[in-house]
Amino acid sequence: MSAVTERPETDTPGTFTGLERAVINRLQCGLPLVRYPFAAVAKELGISETDLLHTLRDLLERKVLTRFGPMFHAGEMGGGLTLAAMRIPEPDFARVTGQVNQLDEVAHNYRREHDLNMWFVLATETPEDIDRVIADIEAVTGYPVYNMPKEEEFHVHLYFPV
């Protein structure tokens, strides 16, 4: 692969430098299982490991990326995992979102254009903890949580080129 060159910074939302685009696109494909994965990716991109890490840190600090880290499968590690949904009236949506997102067990909380307008994933240390966390959410928010445990797993390789 050829080296990635830096383009001038721009203030236009949704635009990226050549380096940012290359880093975002490459890191969506995962890290190699080697002793120095960032160095290996940097070499692929024709940049230094320092430049790669600086670019990644900058994207996170600017909130262009909201998270970068490993994804663990709680169920395969002996924990509990479920999809949950709630029906939240618009005047309460921001308050409930804040309350739900305070919990360590909550991930991937999304607003949906649906009667059930809040959807999130719960990941707990044990399968039995799912019911406890749901009860906690209901007690704090005052709204019921609809538990939708998976019946079958499908692995979809999401990739959003920029």
C-alpha atoms as a PDB file:
ATOM      1  CA  MET A   1       0.000   0.000   0.000  1.00  0.00           C
ATOM      2  CA  SER A   2       1.268   3.475  -0.757  1.00  0.00           C
ATOM      3  CA  ALA A   3       1.953   6.090   1.887  1.00  0.00           C
ATOM      4  CA  VAL A   4      -0.902   8.282   3.068  1.00  0.00           C
ATOM      5  CA  THR A   5      -0.259  11.990   2.849  1.00  0.00           C
ATOM      6  CA  GLU A   6      -1.808  14.629   5.068  1.00  0.00           C
ATOM      7  CA  ARG A   7      -4.266  17.021   3.460  1.00  0.00           C
ATOM      8  CA  PRO A   8      -4.851  20.531   4.780  1.00  0.00           C
ATOM      9  CA  GLU A   9      -7.284  20.714   7.687  1.00  0.00           C
ATOM     10  CA  THR A  10     -10.804  21.846   6.852  1.00  0.00           C
ATOM     11  CA  ASP A  11     -13.590  23.298   8.943  1.00  0.00           C
ATOM     12  CA  THR A  12     -16.314  21.622   6.893  1.00  0.00           C
ATOM     13  CA  PRO A  13     -18.223  19.113   9.051  1.00  0.00           C
ATOM     14  CA  GLY A  14     -18.045  15.541   7.801  1.00  0.00           C
ATOM     15  CA  THR A  15     -14.814  16.019   5.874  1.00  0.00           C
ATOM     16  CA  PHE A  16     -11.593  14.284   6.746  1.00  0.00           C
ATOM     17  CA  THR A  17      -7.962  14.685   5.905  1.00  0.00           C
ATOM     18  CA  GLY A  18      -6.429  11.907   3.841  1.00  0.00           C
ATOM     19  CA  LEU A  19      -4.713  10.595   6.950  1.00  0.00           C
ATOM     20  CA  GLU A  20      -7.916  10.619   9.025  1.00  0.00           C
ATOM     21  CA  ARG A  21      -9.823   8.836   6.272  1.00  0.00           C
ATOM     22  CA  ALA A  22      -7.132   6.160   5.948  1.00  0.00           C
ATOM     23  CA  VAL A  23      -6.946   5.591   9.713  1.00  0.00           C
ATOM     24  CA  ILE A  24     -10.742   5.390  10.154  1.00  0.00           C
ATOM     25  CA  ASN A  25     -11.188   3.045   7.201  1.00  0.00           C
ATOM     26  CA  ARG A  26      -8.310   0.758   8.205  1.00  0.00           C
ATOM     27  CA  LEU A  27      -9.158   0.515  11.903  1.00  0.00           C
ATOM     28  CA  GLN A  28     -12.717  -0.593  11.110  1.00  0.00           C
ATOM     29  CA  CYS A  29     -11.187  -3.847   9.888  1.00  0.00           C
ATOM     30  CA  GLY A  30      -9.642  -4.657  13.265  1.00  0.00           C
ATOM     31  CA  LEU A  31      -6.118  -4.863  14.553  1.00  0.00           C
ATOM     32  CA  PRO A  32      -3.667  -7.609  13.658  1.00  0.00           C
ATOM     33  CA  LEU A  33      -2.865 -10.098  16.409  1.00  0.00           C
ATOM     34  CA  VAL A  34       0.790  -9.194  16.706  1.00  0.00           C
ATOM     35  CA  ARG A  35       2.954  -7.831  19.509  1.00  0.00           C
ATOM     36  CA  TYR A  36       2.736  -4.219  18.219  1.00  0.00           C
ATOM     37  CA  PRO A  37      -0.575  -3.943  16.350  1.00  0.00           C
ATOM     38  CA  PHE A  38      -0.536  -0.155  15.948  1.00  0.00           C
ATOM     39  CA  ALA A  39       2.968  -0.261  14.511  1.00  0.00           C
ATOM     40  CA  ALA A  40       1.836  -2.925  12.027  1.00  0.00           C
ATOM     41  CA  VAL A  41      -1.174  -0.855  10.929  1.00  0.00           C
ATOM     42  CA  ALA A  42       0.970   2.273  10.667  1.00  0.00           C
ATOM     43  CA  LYS A  43       3.406   0.389   8.429  1.00  0.00           C
ATOM     44  CA  GLU A  44       0.485  -0.692   6.195  1.00  0.00           C
ATOM     45  CA  LEU A  45      -0.558   2.942   5.906  1.00  0.00           C
ATOM     46  CA  GLY A  46       2.975   4.207   5.303  1.00  0.00           C
ATOM     47  CA  ILE A  47       3.024   6.403   8.421  1.00  0.00           C
ATOM     48  CA  SER A  48       4.661   6.272  11.840  1.00  0.00           C
ATOM     49  CA  GLU A  49       3.030   4.603  14.813  1.00  0.00           C
ATOM     50  CA  THR A  50       3.147   8.002  16.555  1.00  0.00           C
ATOM     51  CA  ASP A  51       1.199   9.618  13.702  1.00  0.00           C
ATOM     52  CA  LEU A  52      -1.380   6.833  13.800  1.00  0.00           C
ATOM     53  CA  LEU A  53      -1.890   7.118  17.557  1.00  0.00           C
ATOM     54  CA  HIS A  54      -1.960  10.941  17.429  1.00  0.00           C
ATOM     55  CA  THR A  55      -4.617  10.840  14.696  1.00  0.00           C
ATOM     56  CA  LEU A  56      -6.713   8.336  16.624  1.00  0.00           C
ATOM     57  CA  ARG A  57      -6.429  10.358  19.858  1.00  0.00           C
ATOM     58  CA  ASP A  58      -7.354  13.568  17.996  1.00  0.00           C
ATOM     59  CA  LEU A  59     -10.444  11.951  16.416  1.00  0.00           C
ATOM     60  CA  LEU A  60     -11.573  10.793  19.866  1.00  0.00           C
ATOM     61  CA  GLU A  61     -10.909  14.157  21.535  1.00  0.00           C
ATOM     62  CA  ARG A  62     -12.858  15.980  18.806  1.00  0.00           C
ATOM     63  CA  LYS A  63     -15.698  13.435  19.248  1.00  0.00           C
ATOM     64  CA  VAL A  64     -15.479  12.451  15.577  1.00  0.00           C
ATOM     65  CA  LEU A  65     -15.127   8.950  17.021  1.00  0.00           C
ATOM     66  CA  THR A  66     -17.007   8.318  20.243  1.00  0.00           C
ATOM     67  CA  ARG A  67     -15.309   5.061  21.161  1.00  0.00           C
ATOM     68  CA  PHE A  68     -12.327   2.987  20.149  1.00  0.00           C
ATOM     69  CA  GLY A  69     -11.678  -0.252  21.950  1.00  0.00           C
ATOM     70  CA  PRO A  70     -12.235  -3.979  22.027  1.00  0.00           C
ATOM     71  CA  MET A  71     -15.643  -5.576  21.786  1.00  0.00           C
ATOM     72  CA  PHE A  72     -16.065  -8.436  24.236  1.00  0.00           C
ATOM     73  CA  HIS A  73     -18.769 -11.053  23.916  1.00  0.00           C
ATOM     74  CA  ALA A  74     -20.187 -11.164  27.454  1.00  0.00           C
ATOM     75  CA  GLY A  75     -22.143 -14.374  26.841  1.00  0.00           C
ATOM     76  CA  GLU A  76     -19.076 -16.312  25.772  1.00  0.00           C
ATOM     77  CA  MET A  77     -17.246 -15.092  28.876  1.00  0.00           C
ATOM     78  CA  GLY A  78     -19.961 -16.431  31.196  1.00  0.00           C
ATOM     79  CA  GLY A  79     -21.907 -13.183  31.437  1.00  0.00           C
ATOM     80  CA  GLY A  80     -25.328 -12.055  30.339  1.00  0.00           C
ATOM     81  CA  LEU A  81     -26.166 -10.205  27.139  1.00  0.00           C
ATOM     82  CA  THR A  82     -29.495  -8.912  25.904  1.00  0.00           C
ATOM     83  CA  LEU A  83     -31.134  -6.287  23.749  1.00  0.00           C
ATOM     84  CA  ALA A  84     -33.556  -4.025  25.582  1.00  0.00           C
ATOM     85  CA  ALA A  85     -36.025  -1.369  24.522  1.00  0.00           C
ATOM     86  CA  MET A  86     -38.106   1.301  26.218  1.00  0.00           C
ATOM     87  CA  ARG A  87     -41.029   3.537  25.290  1.00  0.00           C
ATOM     88  CA  ILE A  88     -40.080   7.018  26.501  1.00  0.00           C
ATOM     89  CA  PRO A  89     -42.249  10.124  26.015  1.00  0.00           C
ATOM     90  CA  GLU A  90     -40.348  12.952  24.313  1.00  0.00           C
ATOM     91  CA  PRO A  91     -40.364  15.277  27.367  1.00  0.00           C
ATOM     92  CA  ASP A  92     -38.566  12.561  29.407  1.00  0.00           C
ATOM     93  CA  PHE A  93     -36.225  11.253  26.715  1.00  0.00           C
ATOM     94  CA  ALA A  94     -33.115  13.242  27.668  1.00  0.00           C
ATOM     95  CA  ARG A  95     -33.550  12.536  31.399  1.00  0.00           C
ATOM     96  CA  VAL A  96     -34.040   8.802  30.881  1.00  0.00           C
ATOM     97  CA  THR A  97     -31.152   8.614  28.413  1.00  0.00           C
ATOM     98  CA  GLY A  98     -28.859  10.114  31.037  1.00  0.00           C
ATOM     99  CA  GLN A  99     -30.092   7.715  33.712  1.00  0.00           C
ATOM    100  CA  VAL A 100     -29.762   4.636  31.500  1.00  0.00           C
ATOM    101  CA  ASN A 101     -26.335   5.614  30.200  1.00  0.00           C
ATOM    102  CA  GLN A 102     -25.004   6.004  33.757  1.00  0.00           C
ATOM    103  CA  LEU A 103     -25.033   2.223  34.161  1.00  0.00           C
ATOM    104  CA  ASP A 104     -21.826   0.352  33.361  1.00  0.00           C
ATOM    105  CA  GLU A 105     -23.866  -2.519  31.921  1.00  0.00           C
ATOM    106  CA  VAL A 106     -25.438  -0.359  29.184  1.00  0.00           C
ATOM    107  CA  ALA A 107     -23.893  -0.121  25.724  1.00  0.00           C
ATOM    108  CA  HIS A 108     -25.013   1.014  22.303  1.00  0.00           C
ATOM    109  CA  ASN A 109     -27.968   3.143  23.411  1.00  0.00           C
ATOM    110  CA  TYR A 110     -29.803   4.418  20.328  1.00  0.00           C
ATOM    111  CA  ARG A 111     -32.897   6.498  19.655  1.00  0.00           C
ATOM    112  CA  ARG A 112     -35.265   4.925  17.124  1.00  0.00           C
ATOM    113  CA  GLU A 113     -38.219   6.278  15.179  1.00  0.00           C
ATOM    114  CA  HIS A 114     -40.599   3.685  16.603  1.00  0.00           C
ATOM    115  CA  ASP A 115     -43.094   3.298  19.416  1.00  0.00           C
ATOM    116  CA  LEU A 116     -40.224   1.688  21.332  1.00  0.00           C
ATOM    117  CA  ASN A 117     -37.917   4.640  20.808  1.00  0.00           C
ATOM    118  CA  MET A 118     -34.912   3.735  23.012  1.00  0.00           C
ATOM    119  CA  TRP A 119     -32.876   0.605  22.293  1.00  0.00           C
ATOM    120  CA  PHE A 120     -29.721  -0.518  24.086  1.00  0.00           C
ATOM    121  CA  VAL A 121     -27.610  -3.573  24.838  1.00  0.00           C
ATOM    122  CA  LEU A 122     -27.101  -4.844  28.384  1.00  0.00           C
ATOM    123  CA  ALA A 123     -23.951  -6.816  29.178  1.00  0.00           C
ATOM    124  CA  THR A 124     -23.608  -8.207  32.708  1.00  0.00           C
ATOM    125  CA  GLU A 125     -21.139 -10.369  34.637  1.00  0.00           C
ATOM    126  CA  THR A 126     -23.651 -13.208  34.985  1.00  0.00           C
ATOM    127  CA  PRO A 127     -26.834 -14.076  33.062  1.00  0.00           C
ATOM    128  CA  GLU A 128     -28.831 -13.650  36.277  1.00  0.00           C
ATOM    129  CA  ASP A 129     -27.724 -10.005  36.556  1.00  0.00           C
ATOM    130  CA  ILE A 130     -29.787  -9.040  33.486  1.00  0.00           C
ATOM    131  CA  ASP A 131     -33.042  -9.143  35.469  1.00  0.00           C
ATOM    132  CA  ARG A 132     -31.487  -7.093  38.291  1.00  0.00           C
ATOM    133  CA  VAL A 133     -30.219  -4.389  35.932  1.00  0.00           C
ATOM    134  CA  ILE A 134     -33.587  -4.218  34.162  1.00  0.00           C
ATOM    135  CA  ALA A 135     -35.322  -3.838  37.538  1.00  0.00           C
ATOM    136  CA  ASP A 136     -32.834  -1.084  38.473  1.00  0.00           C
ATOM    137  CA  ILE A 137     -33.515   0.786  35.234  1.00  0.00           C
ATOM    138  CA  GLU A 138     -37.264   0.530  35.745  1.00  0.00           C
ATOM    139  CA  ALA A 139     -36.972   1.753  39.344  1.00  0.00           C
ATOM    140  CA  VAL A 140     -34.784   4.737  38.432  1.00  0.00           C
ATOM    141  CA  THR A 141     -36.624   5.816  35.283  1.00  0.00           C
ATOM    142  CA  GLY A 142     -40.215   4.889  36.124  1.00  0.00           C
ATOM    143  CA  TYR A 143     -40.658   3.196  32.727  1.00  0.00           C
ATOM    144  CA  PRO A 144     -40.805  -0.492  31.786  1.00  0.00           C
ATOM    145  CA  VAL A 145     -37.906  -2.158  29.992  1.00  0.00           C
ATOM    146  CA  TYR A 146     -38.685  -4.726  27.303  1.00  0.00           C
ATOM    147  CA  ASN A 147     -36.118  -7.526  27.410  1.00  0.00           C
ATOM    148  CA  MET A 148     -35.402  -9.141  24.025  1.00  0.00           C
ATOM    149  CA  PRO A 149     -32.771 -11.837  24.506  1.00  0.00           C
ATOM    150  CA  LYS A 150     -31.279 -13.231  21.323  1.00  0.00           C
ATOM    151  CA  GLU A 151     -32.589 -16.456  19.923  1.00  0.00           C
ATOM    152  CA  GLU A 152     -29.949 -16.767  17.236  1.00  0.00           C
ATOM    153  CA  GLU A 153     -26.735 -14.857  16.609  1.00  0.00           C
ATOM    154  CA  PHE A 154     -25.749 -13.396  13.274  1.00  0.00           C
ATOM    155  CA  HIS A 155     -22.339 -11.874  12.763  1.00  0.00           C
ATOM    156  CA  VAL A 156     -22.457  -8.910  10.413  1.00  0.00           C
ATOM    157  CA  HIS A 157     -19.216  -7.249   9.386  1.00  0.00           C
ATOM    158  CA  LEU A 158     -20.179  -3.590   9.462  1.00  0.00           C
ATOM    159  CA  TYR A 159     -17.951  -1.262   7.536  1.00  0.00           C
ATOM    160  CA  PHE A 160     -18.659   2.391   6.870  1.00  0.00           C
ATOM    161  CA  PRO A 161     -16.017   3.771   4.503  1.00  0.00           C
ATOM    162  CA  VAL A 162     -15.340   7.487   4.841  1.00  0.00           C
END
